[in-house]
Amino acid sequence: MRGVATAILIFIAIVGMSVTLVVLRPRLQKQQEEQLEKLCASRLGRLAAALQLYLERTDNLLPPPNHWCDALEEFIPPSQRRFVFHCPKLEGRGGYGYAMNAYAWDEEHQTPRWHPEMYPQSKVVLIYETRQSRRNAVGKGDDIPVPGRHDGKILLLFADGSTMAVTPDELREMQERGEILFKPLPPPR
């Protein structure tokens, strides 16, 4: 009788733990996803700080688009260099996952300098998540991952240093309304 009672208790405990895992797993996965999104935003924030230091040192000259990671690297603490240029969702899978907005170094107008008049800072994207996986990736915003890596969203770093998480559809709608810009305005005369 005692052995049967023990077996029943063990069975009930196993069933209880299984139910708990089934119930908690989605919550834990959502929590982990939120943490990865925050980490990605934090890394973009570190890149914004490095870019600001670079601009100060170079008299507002933007880093060359095809070497932007290399140019910003000296402004990243050595202990962070191996991961700060990588989207955390790509860790362990290889690839970087961030691209610099090719329009930021406005080749069309031959204006590599930072002109706040050209860049409504809270609207212009400088660095964004991309499908490209190479270091120093450059794009024009047409290479975002669909769906986004973070619960369907992608992260954008704006010229004012802020970040935003949006779905690809939200990004397209905000671009149509002029709330998010990849291409800067013509340079001041």
Protein backbone atom coordinates (compact mmCIF):
# COMPACT_ATOMS: atom_id res chain seq x y z
CA MET A 1 0.00 0.00 0.00
CA ARG A 2 2.80 2.37 0.90
CA GLY A 3 4.57 1.73 -2.44
CA VAL A 4 1.38 2.47 -4.39
CA ALA A 5 0.87 5.75 -2.52
CA THR A 6 4.47 6.75 -3.24
CA ALA A 7 4.07 5.90 -6.93
CA ILE A 8 0.86 7.94 -7.12
CA LEU A 9 2.56 10.93 -5.46
CA ILE A 10 5.49 10.69 -7.85
CA PHE A 11 3.11 10.47 -10.81
CA ILE A 12 1.15 13.51 -9.59
CA ALA A 13 4.39 15.45 -9.11
CA ILE A 14 5.57 14.60 -12.63
CA VAL A 15 2.22 15.58 -14.15
CA GLY A 16 2.24 18.81 -12.12
CA MET A 17 5.74 19.71 -13.29
CA SER A 18 4.81 18.92 -16.90
CA VAL A 19 1.73 21.14 -16.73
CA THR A 20 3.78 23.90 -15.11
CA LEU A 21 6.38 23.70 -17.88
CA VAL A 22 3.72 23.79 -20.59
CA VAL A 23 2.11 26.83 -18.97
CA LEU A 24 5.38 28.64 -18.18
CA ARG A 25 7.29 27.93 -21.39
CA PRO A 26 5.53 30.59 -23.50
CA ARG A 27 6.04 33.15 -20.72
CA LEU A 28 9.70 32.27 -20.41
CA GLN A 29 10.20 32.44 -24.18
CA LYS A 30 8.46 35.82 -24.34
CA GLN A 31 10.59 37.08 -21.47
CA GLN A 32 13.76 35.85 -23.18
CA GLU A 33 12.69 37.53 -26.44
CA GLU A 34 12.09 40.81 -24.60
CA GLN A 35 15.56 40.58 -23.04
CA LEU A 36 17.18 39.98 -26.44
CA GLU A 37 15.34 42.99 -27.89
CA LYS A 38 16.55 45.15 -24.99
CA LEU A 39 20.08 43.86 -25.50
CA CYS A 40 19.91 44.67 -29.21
CA ALA A 41 18.68 48.20 -28.42
CA SER A 42 21.49 48.54 -25.88
CA ARG A 43 24.07 47.52 -28.48
CA LEU A 44 22.67 50.04 -30.94
CA GLY A 45 22.92 52.63 -28.17
CA ARG A 46 26.60 51.77 -27.72
CA LEU A 47 27.09 52.21 -31.46
CA ALA A 48 25.36 55.61 -31.23
CA ALA A 49 27.78 56.67 -28.48
CA ALA A 50 30.75 55.47 -30.55
CA LEU A 51 29.43 57.35 -33.59
CA GLN A 52 29.09 60.53 -31.53
CA LEU A 53 32.71 60.24 -30.39
CA TYR A 54 33.79 59.60 -33.97
CA LEU A 55 31.93 62.71 -35.19
CA GLU A 56 33.55 64.83 -32.48
CA ARG A 57 37.02 63.63 -33.43
CA THR A 58 36.54 64.05 -37.19
CA ASP A 59 34.84 67.45 -37.19
CA ASN A 60 31.46 65.90 -38.05
CA LEU A 61 32.83 63.75 -40.86
CA LEU A 62 30.84 60.52 -41.03
CA PRO A 63 32.65 57.18 -41.17
CA PRO A 64 33.00 55.71 -44.67
CA PRO A 65 29.97 53.45 -45.15
CA ASN A 66 31.94 50.41 -46.30
CA HIS A 67 34.18 50.61 -43.21
CA TRP A 68 31.88 51.99 -40.54
CA CYS A 69 32.45 49.13 -38.04
CA ASP A 70 36.20 49.43 -38.47
CA ALA A 71 36.03 53.22 -37.99
CA LEU A 72 33.90 52.98 -34.84
CA GLU A 73 35.77 50.08 -33.27
CA GLU A 74 38.33 52.23 -31.46
CA PHE A 75 35.45 54.01 -29.69
CA ILE A 76 34.08 50.75 -28.30
CA PRO A 77 35.64 49.38 -25.10
CA PRO A 78 37.89 46.40 -25.97
CA SER A 79 35.83 44.03 -23.82
CA GLN A 80 32.73 44.80 -25.94
CA ARG A 81 34.21 44.82 -29.44
CA ARG A 82 33.63 41.16 -30.18
CA PHE A 83 29.86 41.39 -29.66
CA VAL A 84 28.59 44.99 -29.89
CA PHE A 85 28.45 44.94 -33.72
CA HIS A 86 26.27 41.79 -33.66
CA CYS A 87 22.52 41.49 -33.20
CA PRO A 88 22.15 39.15 -30.19
CA LYS A 89 19.65 37.01 -32.12
CA LEU A 90 22.47 36.03 -34.50
CA GLU A 91 24.94 35.00 -31.81
CA GLY A 92 26.00 31.43 -32.32
CA ARG A 93 24.74 31.49 -35.91
CA GLY A 94 27.35 33.83 -37.33
CA GLY A 95 26.80 37.15 -38.95
CA TYR A 96 26.55 40.72 -37.76
CA GLY A 97 23.02 41.78 -38.63
CA TYR A 98 23.46 45.58 -38.63
CA ALA A 99 23.89 47.89 -41.61
CA MET A 100 24.73 51.55 -41.93
CA ASN A 101 22.32 53.62 -43.94
CA ALA A 102 24.12 54.26 -47.25
CA TYR A 103 22.28 57.55 -47.64
CA ALA A 104 23.79 58.88 -44.40
CA TRP A 105 27.10 59.42 -46.20
CA ASP A 106 25.14 61.29 -48.85
CA GLU A 107 27.18 60.36 -51.94
CA GLU A 108 24.47 61.80 -54.17
CA HIS A 109 25.24 65.28 -52.82
CA GLN A 110 28.90 64.53 -52.05
CA THR A 111 28.28 65.44 -48.43
CA PRO A 112 30.06 63.16 -45.97
CA ARG A 113 29.69 65.71 -43.18
CA TRP A 114 27.00 65.61 -40.60
CA HIS A 115 24.55 68.42 -41.30
CA PRO A 116 21.69 68.51 -38.78
CA GLU A 117 19.69 70.56 -41.31
CA MET A 118 19.81 67.59 -43.70
CA TYR A 119 19.00 65.09 -41.02
CA PRO A 120 15.86 65.58 -38.96
CA GLN A 121 17.65 63.68 -36.24
CA SER A 122 14.66 61.93 -34.72
CA LYS A 123 13.55 60.69 -38.16
CA VAL A 124 16.70 59.68 -40.03
CA VAL A 125 17.88 56.10 -39.63
CA LEU A 126 21.66 55.69 -39.28
CA ILE A 127 22.02 52.00 -38.43
CA TYR A 128 19.39 49.31 -38.76
CA GLU A 129 18.91 45.56 -38.65
CA THR A 130 19.54 43.93 -42.00
CA ARG A 131 19.41 40.54 -43.68
CA GLN A 132 23.05 41.06 -44.59
CA SER A 133 25.37 39.15 -42.32
CA ARG A 134 28.76 40.68 -43.11
CA ARG A 135 30.75 43.19 -41.12
CA ASN A 136 30.53 46.79 -42.39
CA ALA A 137 27.23 46.08 -44.16
CA VAL A 138 25.66 49.04 -45.94
CA GLY A 139 22.13 49.32 -47.26
CA LYS A 140 19.28 51.62 -48.12
CA GLY A 141 16.61 50.06 -45.93
CA ASP A 142 15.37 47.61 -48.53
CA ASP A 143 17.21 44.70 -46.90
CA ILE A 144 15.45 44.45 -43.55
CA PRO A 145 14.64 40.97 -42.26
CA VAL A 146 11.00 40.00 -42.81
CA PRO A 147 9.68 39.10 -40.35
CA GLY A 148 11.87 41.08 -37.98
CA ARG A 149 14.17 39.21 -35.61
CA HIS A 150 12.62 40.48 -32.41
CA ASP A 151 9.09 39.15 -32.12
CA GLY A 152 8.50 40.25 -35.71
CA LYS A 153 10.14 43.65 -35.20
CA ILE A 154 13.39 45.21 -36.37
CA LEU A 155 15.38 47.78 -34.47
CA LEU A 156 16.44 51.12 -35.89
CA LEU A 157 19.03 53.58 -34.57
CA PHE A 158 18.21 57.20 -35.37
CA ALA A 159 20.55 60.16 -35.76
CA ASP A 160 19.50 61.52 -32.36
CA GLY A 161 20.72 58.30 -30.71
CA SER A 162 17.25 56.90 -30.03
CA THR A 163 16.17 53.42 -31.02
CA MET A 164 12.81 52.10 -32.13
CA ALA A 165 11.40 48.62 -32.66
CA VAL A 166 8.90 48.36 -35.53
CA THR A 167 7.47 45.65 -37.72
CA PRO A 168 8.36 45.81 -41.42
CA ASP A 169 4.77 46.91 -42.16
CA GLU A 170 4.93 49.68 -39.55
CA LEU A 171 8.25 50.81 -41.01
CA ARG A 172 6.79 51.03 -44.50
CA GLU A 173 3.75 52.99 -43.24
CA MET A 174 5.92 55.39 -41.22
CA GLN A 175 8.17 55.95 -44.23
CA GLU A 176 5.12 56.73 -46.39
CA ARG A 177 4.00 59.32 -43.80
CA GLY A 178 7.52 60.81 -43.62
CA GLU A 179 7.96 59.83 -39.96
CA ILE A 180 11.03 57.68 -40.71
CA LEU A 181 13.59 58.64 -43.34
CA PHE A 182 16.45 56.74 -44.88
CA LYS A 183 17.32 59.36 -47.48
CA PRO A 184 18.35 62.74 -46.07
CA LEU A 185 17.15 66.09 -47.28
CA PRO A 186 19.25 68.06 -49.79
CA PRO A 187 22.27 69.75 -48.20
CA PRO A 188 22.03 73.35 -47.05
CA ARG A 189 23.20 76.00 -49.49
